[in-house]
Amino acid sequence: MEEKANLAMPKGAFRCPRCGSVTWGNLQFCSQCGESLNVECQECGEKWRFIYGYMFCPLCGARIRMKKEILKEG
């Protein structure tokens, strides 16, 4: 279980997926635009940080749809 927690929470700096501002490890939301810095698989519920940029869930293999894609469909 600890391995999963380490995968989900990097401690280094990375850019916000929405506004591009540099943000830091333990934040849950971008301090500049409020975008969530976490990604959740719509199939199995696995969660990880946006920094990884996965296109497929590392747990179940489902294609990851970002919020923008989901909003366009709805």
PDB file of N, CA and C in Angstrom:
ATOM      1  N   MET A   1       0.822  -1.194   0.000  1.00  0.00           N
ATOM      2  CA  MET A   1       0.000   0.000   0.000  1.00  0.00           C
ATOM      3  C   MET A   1       0.868   1.261   0.000  1.00  0.00           C
ATOM      4  N   GLU A   2       2.018   1.258   0.664  1.00  0.00           N
ATOM      5  CA  GLU A   2       2.890   2.425   0.678  1.00  0.00           C
ATOM      6  C   GLU A   2       3.394   2.753  -0.720  1.00  0.00           C
ATOM      7  N   GLU A   3       3.674   1.722  -1.531  1.00  0.00           N
ATOM      8  CA  GLU A   3       4.150   1.947  -2.889  1.00  0.00           C
ATOM      9  C   GLU A   3       3.134   2.754  -3.686  1.00  0.00           C
ATOM     10  N   LYS A   4       1.861   2.442  -3.531  1.00  0.00           N
ATOM     11  CA  LYS A   4       0.795   3.169  -4.230  1.00  0.00           C
ATOM     12  C   LYS A   4       0.759   4.627  -3.782  1.00  0.00           C
ATOM     13  N   ALA A   5       0.919   4.879  -2.494  1.00  0.00           N
ATOM     14  CA  ALA A   5       0.918   6.247  -1.977  1.00  0.00           C
ATOM     15  C   ALA A   5       2.079   7.042  -2.552  1.00  0.00           C
ATOM     16  N   ASN A   6       3.249   6.413  -2.689  1.00  0.00           N
ATOM     17  CA  ASN A   6       4.402   7.099  -3.268  1.00  0.00           C
ATOM     18  C   ASN A   6       4.165   7.420  -4.741  1.00  0.00           C
ATOM     19  N   LEU A   7       3.513   6.532  -5.458  1.00  0.00           N
ATOM     20  CA  LEU A   7       3.199   6.747  -6.859  1.00  0.00           C
ATOM     21  C   LEU A   7       2.255   7.933  -7.011  1.00  0.00           C
ATOM     22  N   ALA A   8       1.313   8.058  -6.110  1.00  0.00           N
ATOM     23  CA  ALA A   8       0.279   9.082  -6.226  1.00  0.00           C
ATOM     24  C   ALA A   8       0.733  10.472  -5.808  1.00  0.00           C
ATOM     25  N   MET A   9       1.767  10.596  -5.010  1.00  0.00           N
ATOM     26  CA  MET A   9       2.128  11.893  -4.448  1.00  0.00           C
ATOM     27  C   MET A   9       3.605  12.244  -4.644  1.00  0.00           C
ATOM     28  N   PRO A  10       3.998  12.700  -5.844  1.00  0.00           N
ATOM     29  CA  PRO A  10       5.381  13.137  -6.009  1.00  0.00           C
ATOM     30  C   PRO A  10       5.625  14.387  -5.187  1.00  0.00           C
ATOM     31  N   LYS A  11       6.855  14.612  -4.810  1.00  0.00           N
ATOM     32  CA  LYS A  11       7.155  15.751  -3.961  1.00  0.00           C
ATOM     33  C   LYS A  11       7.787  16.919  -4.715  1.00  0.00           C
ATOM     34  N   GLY A  12       8.159  16.746  -5.974  1.00  0.00           N
ATOM     35  CA  GLY A  12       8.816  17.799  -6.736  1.00  0.00           C
ATOM     36  C   GLY A  12       7.845  18.774  -7.379  1.00  0.00           C
ATOM     37  N   ALA A  13       8.405  19.783  -8.020  1.00  0.00           N
ATOM     38  CA  ALA A  13       7.605  20.792  -8.711  1.00  0.00           C
ATOM     39  C   ALA A  13       7.154  20.271 -10.072  1.00  0.00           C
ATOM     40  N   PHE A  14       5.998  20.735 -10.534  1.00  0.00           N
ATOM     41  CA  PHE A  14       5.488  20.425 -11.866  1.00  0.00           C
ATOM     42  C   PHE A  14       4.507  21.503 -12.277  1.00  0.00           C
ATOM     43  N   ARG A  15       4.100  21.495 -13.536  1.00  0.00           N
ATOM     44  CA  ARG A  15       3.205  22.533 -14.055  1.00  0.00           C
ATOM     45  C   ARG A  15       1.747  22.101 -13.984  1.00  0.00           C
ATOM     46  N   CYS A  16       0.886  23.054 -13.674  1.00  0.00           N
ATOM     47  CA  CYS A  16      -0.556  22.824 -13.626  1.00  0.00           C
ATOM     48  C   CYS A  16      -1.052  22.444 -15.017  1.00  0.00           C
ATOM     49  N   PRO A  17      -1.941  21.444 -15.123  1.00  0.00           N
ATOM     50  CA  PRO A  17      -2.455  21.036 -16.430  1.00  0.00           C
ATOM     51  C   PRO A  17      -3.352  22.087 -17.089  1.00  0.00           C
ATOM     52  N   ARG A  18      -3.869  23.004 -16.315  1.00  0.00           N
ATOM     53  CA  ARG A  18      -4.788  24.012 -16.859  1.00  0.00           C
ATOM     54  C   ARG A  18      -4.085  25.320 -17.216  1.00  0.00           C
ATOM     55  N   CYS A  19      -3.355  25.914 -16.268  1.00  0.00           N
ATOM     56  CA  CYS A  19      -2.794  27.246 -16.497  1.00  0.00           C
ATOM     57  C   CYS A  19      -1.277  27.256 -16.705  1.00  0.00           C
ATOM     58  N   GLY A  20      -0.604  26.142 -16.417  1.00  0.00           N
ATOM     59  CA  GLY A  20       0.836  26.063 -16.625  1.00  0.00           C
ATOM     60  C   GLY A  20       1.678  26.639 -15.505  1.00  0.00           C
ATOM     61  N   SER A  21       1.054  27.142 -14.437  1.00  0.00           N
ATOM     62  CA  SER A  21       1.813  27.672 -13.311  1.00  0.00           C
ATOM     63  C   SER A  21       2.577  26.547 -12.629  1.00  0.00           C
ATOM     64  N   VAL A  22       3.762  26.860 -12.132  1.00  0.00           N
ATOM     65  CA  VAL A  22       4.540  25.869 -11.403  1.00  0.00           C
ATOM     66  C   VAL A  22       3.891  25.668 -10.043  1.00  0.00           C
ATOM     67  N   THR A  23       3.652  24.420  -9.698  1.00  0.00           N
ATOM     68  CA  THR A  23       3.052  24.071  -8.418  1.00  0.00           C
ATOM     69  C   THR A  23       3.941  23.053  -7.734  1.00  0.00           C
ATOM     70  N   TRP A  24       3.605  22.665  -6.538  1.00  0.00           N
ATOM     71  CA  TRP A  24       4.503  21.839  -5.759  1.00  0.00           C
ATOM     72  C   TRP A  24       3.803  20.631  -5.165  1.00  0.00           C
ATOM     73  N   GLY A  25       4.516  19.555  -5.014  1.00  0.00           N
ATOM     74  CA  GLY A  25       4.151  18.246  -4.505  1.00  0.00           C
ATOM     75  C   GLY A  25       2.860  17.994  -3.779  1.00  0.00           C
ATOM     76  N   ASN A  26       2.681  18.460  -2.571  1.00  0.00           N
ATOM     77  CA  ASN A  26       1.551  18.031  -1.748  1.00  0.00           C
ATOM     78  C   ASN A  26       0.264  18.817  -1.967  1.00  0.00           C
ATOM     79  N   LEU A  27       0.287  19.848  -2.807  1.00  0.00           N
ATOM     80  CA  LEU A  27      -0.930  20.620  -3.058  1.00  0.00           C
ATOM     81  C   LEU A  27      -1.954  19.760  -3.787  1.00  0.00           C
ATOM     82  N   GLN A  28      -3.216  19.918  -3.438  1.00  0.00           N
ATOM     83  CA  GLN A  28      -4.287  19.176  -4.103  1.00  0.00           C
ATOM     84  C   GLN A  28      -4.870  19.959  -5.282  1.00  0.00           C
ATOM     85  N   PHE A  29      -4.748  21.290  -5.230  1.00  0.00           N
ATOM     86  CA  PHE A  29      -5.283  22.164  -6.269  1.00  0.00           C
ATOM     87  C   PHE A  29      -4.257  23.240  -6.596  1.00  0.00           C
ATOM     88  N   CYS A  30      -4.273  23.718  -7.835  1.00  0.00           N
ATOM     89  CA  CYS A  30      -3.370  24.789  -8.250  1.00  0.00           C
ATOM     90  C   CYS A  30      -3.715  26.067  -7.482  1.00  0.00           C
ATOM     91  N   SER A  31      -2.714  26.722  -6.963  1.00  0.00           N
ATOM     92  CA  SER A  31      -2.953  27.943  -6.190  1.00  0.00           C
ATOM     93  C   SER A  31      -3.264  29.141  -7.087  1.00  0.00           C
ATOM     94  N   GLN A  32      -3.065  29.028  -8.397  1.00  0.00           N
ATOM     95  CA  GLN A  32      -3.336  30.128  -9.316  1.00  0.00           C
ATOM     96  C   GLN A  32      -4.707  30.041  -9.985  1.00  0.00           C
ATOM     97  N   CYS A  33      -5.162  28.807 -10.304  1.00  0.00           N
ATOM     98  CA  CYS A  33      -6.429  28.694 -11.041  1.00  0.00           C
ATOM     99  C   CYS A  33      -7.429  27.729 -10.391  1.00  0.00           C
ATOM    100  N   GLY A  34      -7.009  26.989  -9.381  1.00  0.00           N
ATOM    101  CA  GLY A  34      -7.921  26.099  -8.672  1.00  0.00           C
ATOM    102  C   GLY A  34      -8.106  24.717  -9.291  1.00  0.00           C
ATOM    103  N   GLU A  35      -7.393  24.414 -10.382  1.00  0.00           N
ATOM    104  CA  GLU A  35      -7.509  23.105 -11.040  1.00  0.00           C
ATOM    105  C   GLU A  35      -7.025  21.988 -10.111  1.00  0.00           C
ATOM    106  N   SER A  36      -7.744  20.884 -10.104  1.00  0.00           N
ATOM    107  CA  SER A  36      -7.319  19.724  -9.320  1.00  0.00           C
ATOM    108  C   SER A  36      -6.021  19.186  -9.906  1.00  0.00           C
ATOM    109  N   LEU A  37      -5.081  18.829  -9.053  1.00  0.00           N
ATOM    110  CA  LEU A  37      -3.800  18.285  -9.499  1.00  0.00           C
ATOM    111  C   LEU A  37      -3.790  16.765  -9.422  1.00  0.00           C
ATOM    112  N   ASN A  38      -4.957  16.181  -9.163  1.00  0.00           N
ATOM    113  CA  ASN A  38      -5.098  14.730  -9.096  1.00  0.00           C
ATOM    114  C   ASN A  38      -5.925  14.240 -10.280  1.00  0.00           C
ATOM    115  N   VAL A  39      -5.668  13.029 -10.717  1.00  0.00           N
ATOM    116  CA  VAL A  39      -6.419  12.384 -11.792  1.00  0.00           C
ATOM    117  C   VAL A  39      -7.028  11.119 -11.195  1.00  0.00           C
ATOM    118  N   GLU A  40      -8.273  10.831 -11.570  1.00  0.00           N
ATOM    119  CA  GLU A  40      -8.936   9.612 -11.092  1.00  0.00           C
ATOM    120  C   GLU A  40      -9.448   8.823 -12.292  1.00  0.00           C
ATOM    121  N   CYS A  41      -9.166   7.529 -12.296  1.00  0.00           N
ATOM    122  CA  CYS A  41      -9.648   6.653 -13.351  1.00  0.00           C
ATOM    123  C   CYS A  41     -11.168   6.523 -13.236  1.00  0.00           C
ATOM    124  N   GLN A  42     -11.865   6.738 -14.353  1.00  0.00           N
ATOM    125  CA  GLN A  42     -13.324   6.650 -14.347  1.00  0.00           C
ATOM    126  C   GLN A  42     -13.805   5.203 -14.267  1.00  0.00           C
ATOM    127  N   GLU A  43     -12.923   4.249 -14.549  1.00  0.00           N
ATOM    128  CA  GLU A  43     -13.298   2.835 -14.525  1.00  0.00           C
ATOM    129  C   GLU A  43     -13.129   2.198 -13.148  1.00  0.00           C
ATOM    130  N   CYS A  44     -11.936   2.359 -12.543  1.00  0.00           N
ATOM    131  CA  CYS A  44     -11.643   1.629 -11.296  1.00  0.00           C
ATOM    132  C   CYS A  44     -11.450   2.523 -10.073  1.00  0.00           C
ATOM    133  N   GLY A  45     -11.327   3.834 -10.273  1.00  0.00           N
ATOM    134  CA  GLY A  45     -11.178   4.750  -9.145  1.00  0.00           C
ATOM    135  C   GLY A  45      -9.747   4.988  -8.688  1.00  0.00           C
ATOM    136  N   GLU A  46      -8.764   4.376  -9.343  1.00  0.00           N
ATOM    137  CA  GLU A  46      -7.354   4.606  -9.002  1.00  0.00           C
ATOM    138  C   GLU A  46      -7.053   6.096  -9.130  1.00  0.00           C
ATOM    139  N   LYS A  47      -6.247   6.652  -8.220  1.00  0.00           N
ATOM    140  CA  LYS A  47      -5.907   8.080  -8.249  1.00  0.00           C
ATOM    141  C   LYS A  47      -4.404   8.262  -8.306  1.00  0.00           C
ATOM    142  N   TRP A  48      -3.972   9.306  -9.009  1.00  0.00           N
ATOM    143  CA  TRP A  48      -2.570   9.663  -9.062  1.00  0.00           C
ATOM    144  C   TRP A  48      -2.465  11.138  -9.401  1.00  0.00           C
ATOM    145  N   ARG A  49      -1.257  11.653  -9.381  1.00  0.00           N
ATOM    146  CA  ARG A  49      -1.009  13.064  -9.660  1.00  0.00           C
ATOM    147  C   ARG A  49      -0.904  13.313 -11.159  1.00  0.00           C
ATOM    148  N   PHE A  50      -1.348  14.466 -11.605  1.00  0.00           N
ATOM    149  CA  PHE A  50      -1.300  14.851 -13.014  1.00  0.00           C
ATOM    150  C   PHE A  50       0.114  14.770 -13.573  1.00  0.00           C
ATOM    151  N   ILE A  51       1.125  15.018 -12.746  1.00  0.00           N
ATOM    152  CA  ILE A  51       2.522  15.063 -13.195  1.00  0.00           C
ATOM    153  C   ILE A  51       2.918  13.845 -14.014  1.00  0.00           C
ATOM    154  N   TYR A  52       2.307  12.704 -13.762  1.00  0.00           N
ATOM    155  CA  TYR A  52       2.709  11.485 -14.455  1.00  0.00           C
ATOM    156  C   TYR A  52       2.258  11.452 -15.910  1.00  0.00           C
ATOM    157  N   GLY A  53       1.198  12.132 -16.256  1.00  0.00           N
ATOM    158  CA  GLY A  53       0.750  12.217 -17.638  1.00  0.00           C
ATOM    159  C   GLY A  53       0.330  10.897 -18.257  1.00  0.00           C
ATOM    160  N   TYR A  54      -0.138   9.972 -17.459  1.00  0.00           N
ATOM    161  CA  TYR A  54      -0.564   8.677 -17.987  1.00  0.00           C
ATOM    162  C   TYR A  54      -1.719   8.837 -18.968  1.00  0.00           C
ATOM    163  N   MET A  55      -1.697   8.062 -20.032  1.00  0.00           N
ATOM    164  CA  MET A  55      -2.808   8.023 -20.987  1.00  0.00           C
ATOM    165  C   MET A  55      -3.732   6.854 -20.680  1.00  0.00           C
ATOM    166  N   PHE A  56      -3.201   5.865 -19.942  1.00  0.00           N
ATOM    167  CA  PHE A  56      -3.974   4.690 -19.543  1.00  0.00           C
ATOM    168  C   PHE A  56      -3.750   4.451 -18.059  1.00  0.00           C
ATOM    169  N   CYS A  57      -4.778   3.995 -17.371  1.00  0.00           N
ATOM    170  CA  CYS A  57      -4.699   3.739 -15.935  1.00  0.00           C
ATOM    171  C   CYS A  57      -3.636   2.683 -15.654  1.00  0.00           C
ATOM    172  N   PRO A  58      -2.732   2.942 -14.704  1.00  0.00           N
ATOM    173  CA  PRO A  58      -1.699   1.964 -14.384  1.00  0.00           C
ATOM    174  C   PRO A  58      -2.246   0.750 -13.630  1.00  0.00           C
ATOM    175  N   LEU A  59      -3.484   0.824 -13.155  1.00  0.00           N
ATOM    176  CA  LEU A  59      -4.057  -0.299 -12.416  1.00  0.00           C
ATOM    177  C   LEU A  59      -4.930  -1.194 -13.297  1.00  0.00           C
ATOM    178  N   CYS A  60      -5.832  -0.589 -14.094  1.00  0.00           N
ATOM    179  CA  CYS A  60      -6.764  -1.407 -14.877  1.00  0.00           C
ATOM    180  C   CYS A  60      -6.580  -1.296 -16.389  1.00  0.00           C
ATOM    181  N   GLY A  61      -5.784  -0.338 -16.865  1.00  0.00           N
ATOM    182  CA  GLY A  61      -5.517  -0.194 -18.292  1.00  0.00           C
ATOM    183  C   GLY A  61      -6.540   0.613 -19.070  1.00  0.00           C
ATOM    184  N   ALA A  62      -7.552   1.164 -18.400  1.00  0.00           N
ATOM    185  CA  ALA A  62      -8.570   1.966 -19.090  1.00  0.00           C
ATOM    186  C   ALA A  62      -7.954   3.259 -19.620  1.00  0.00           C
ATOM    187  N   ARG A  63      -8.457   3.738 -20.774  1.00  0.00           N
ATOM    188  CA  ARG A  63      -8.004   5.015 -21.319  1.00  0.00           C
ATOM    189  C   ARG A  63      -8.440   6.130 -20.379  1.00  0.00           C
ATOM    190  N   ILE A  64      -7.546   7.038 -20.100  1.00  0.00           N
ATOM    191  CA  ILE A  64      -7.839   8.145 -19.184  1.00  0.00           C
ATOM    192  C   ILE A  64      -8.434   9.298 -19.959  1.00  0.00           C
ATOM    193  N   ARG A  65      -9.560   9.779 -19.483  1.00  0.00           N
ATOM    194  CA  ARG A  65     -10.197  10.956 -20.063  1.00  0.00           C
ATOM    195  C   ARG A  65     -10.047  12.095 -19.068  1.00  0.00           C
ATOM    196  N   MET A  66      -9.451  13.176 -19.513  1.00  0.00           N
ATOM    197  CA  MET A  66      -9.282  14.339 -18.652  1.00  0.00           C
ATOM    198  C   MET A  66     -10.626  15.053 -18.538  1.00  0.00           C
ATOM    199  N   LYS A  67     -10.782  15.914 -17.547  1.00  0.00           N
ATOM    200  CA  LYS A  67     -12.031  16.626 -17.305  1.00  0.00           C
ATOM    201  C   LYS A  67     -12.552  17.336 -18.545  1.00  0.00           C
ATOM    202  N   LYS A  68     -11.643  17.941 -19.334  1.00  0.00           N
ATOM    203  CA  LYS A  68     -12.047  18.665 -20.537  1.00  0.00           C
ATOM    204  C   LYS A  68     -12.779  17.738 -21.502  1.00  0.00           C
ATOM    205  N   GLU A  69     -12.274  16.510 -21.661  1.00  0.00           N
ATOM    206  CA  GLU A  69     -12.897  15.555 -22.567  1.00  0.00           C
ATOM    207  C   GLU A  69     -14.266  15.138 -22.046  1.00  0.00           C
ATOM    208  N   ILE A  70     -14.379  14.933 -20.747  1.00  0.00           N
ATOM    209  CA  ILE A  70     -15.641  14.509 -20.140  1.00  0.00           C
ATOM    210  C   ILE A  70     -16.692  15.602 -20.296  1.00  0.00           C
ATOM    211  N   LEU A  71     -16.309  16.866 -20.071  1.00  0.00           N
ATOM    212  CA  LEU A  71     -17.238  17.986 -20.195  1.00  0.00           C
ATOM    213  C   LEU A  71     -17.744  18.143 -21.630  1.00  0.00           C
ATOM    214  N   LYS A  72     -16.882  17.916 -22.615  1.00  0.00           N
ATOM    215  CA  LYS A  72     -17.273  18.026 -24.019  1.00  0.00           C
ATOM    216  C   LYS A  72     -18.312  16.974 -24.379  1.00  0.00           C
ATOM    217  N   GLU A  73     -18.163  15.768 -23.797  1.00  0.00           N
ATOM    218  CA  GLU A  73     -19.096  14.670 -24.089  1.00  0.00           C
ATOM    219  C   GLU A  73     -20.465  14.897 -23.464  1.00  0.00           C
ATOM    220  N   GLY A  74     -20.482  15.526 -22.272  1.00  0.00           N
ATOM    221  CA  GLY A  74     -21.714  15.691 -21.505  1.00  0.00           C
ATOM    222  C   GLY A  74     -22.524  16.803 -21.964  1.00  0.00           C
TER     223      GLY A  74
END
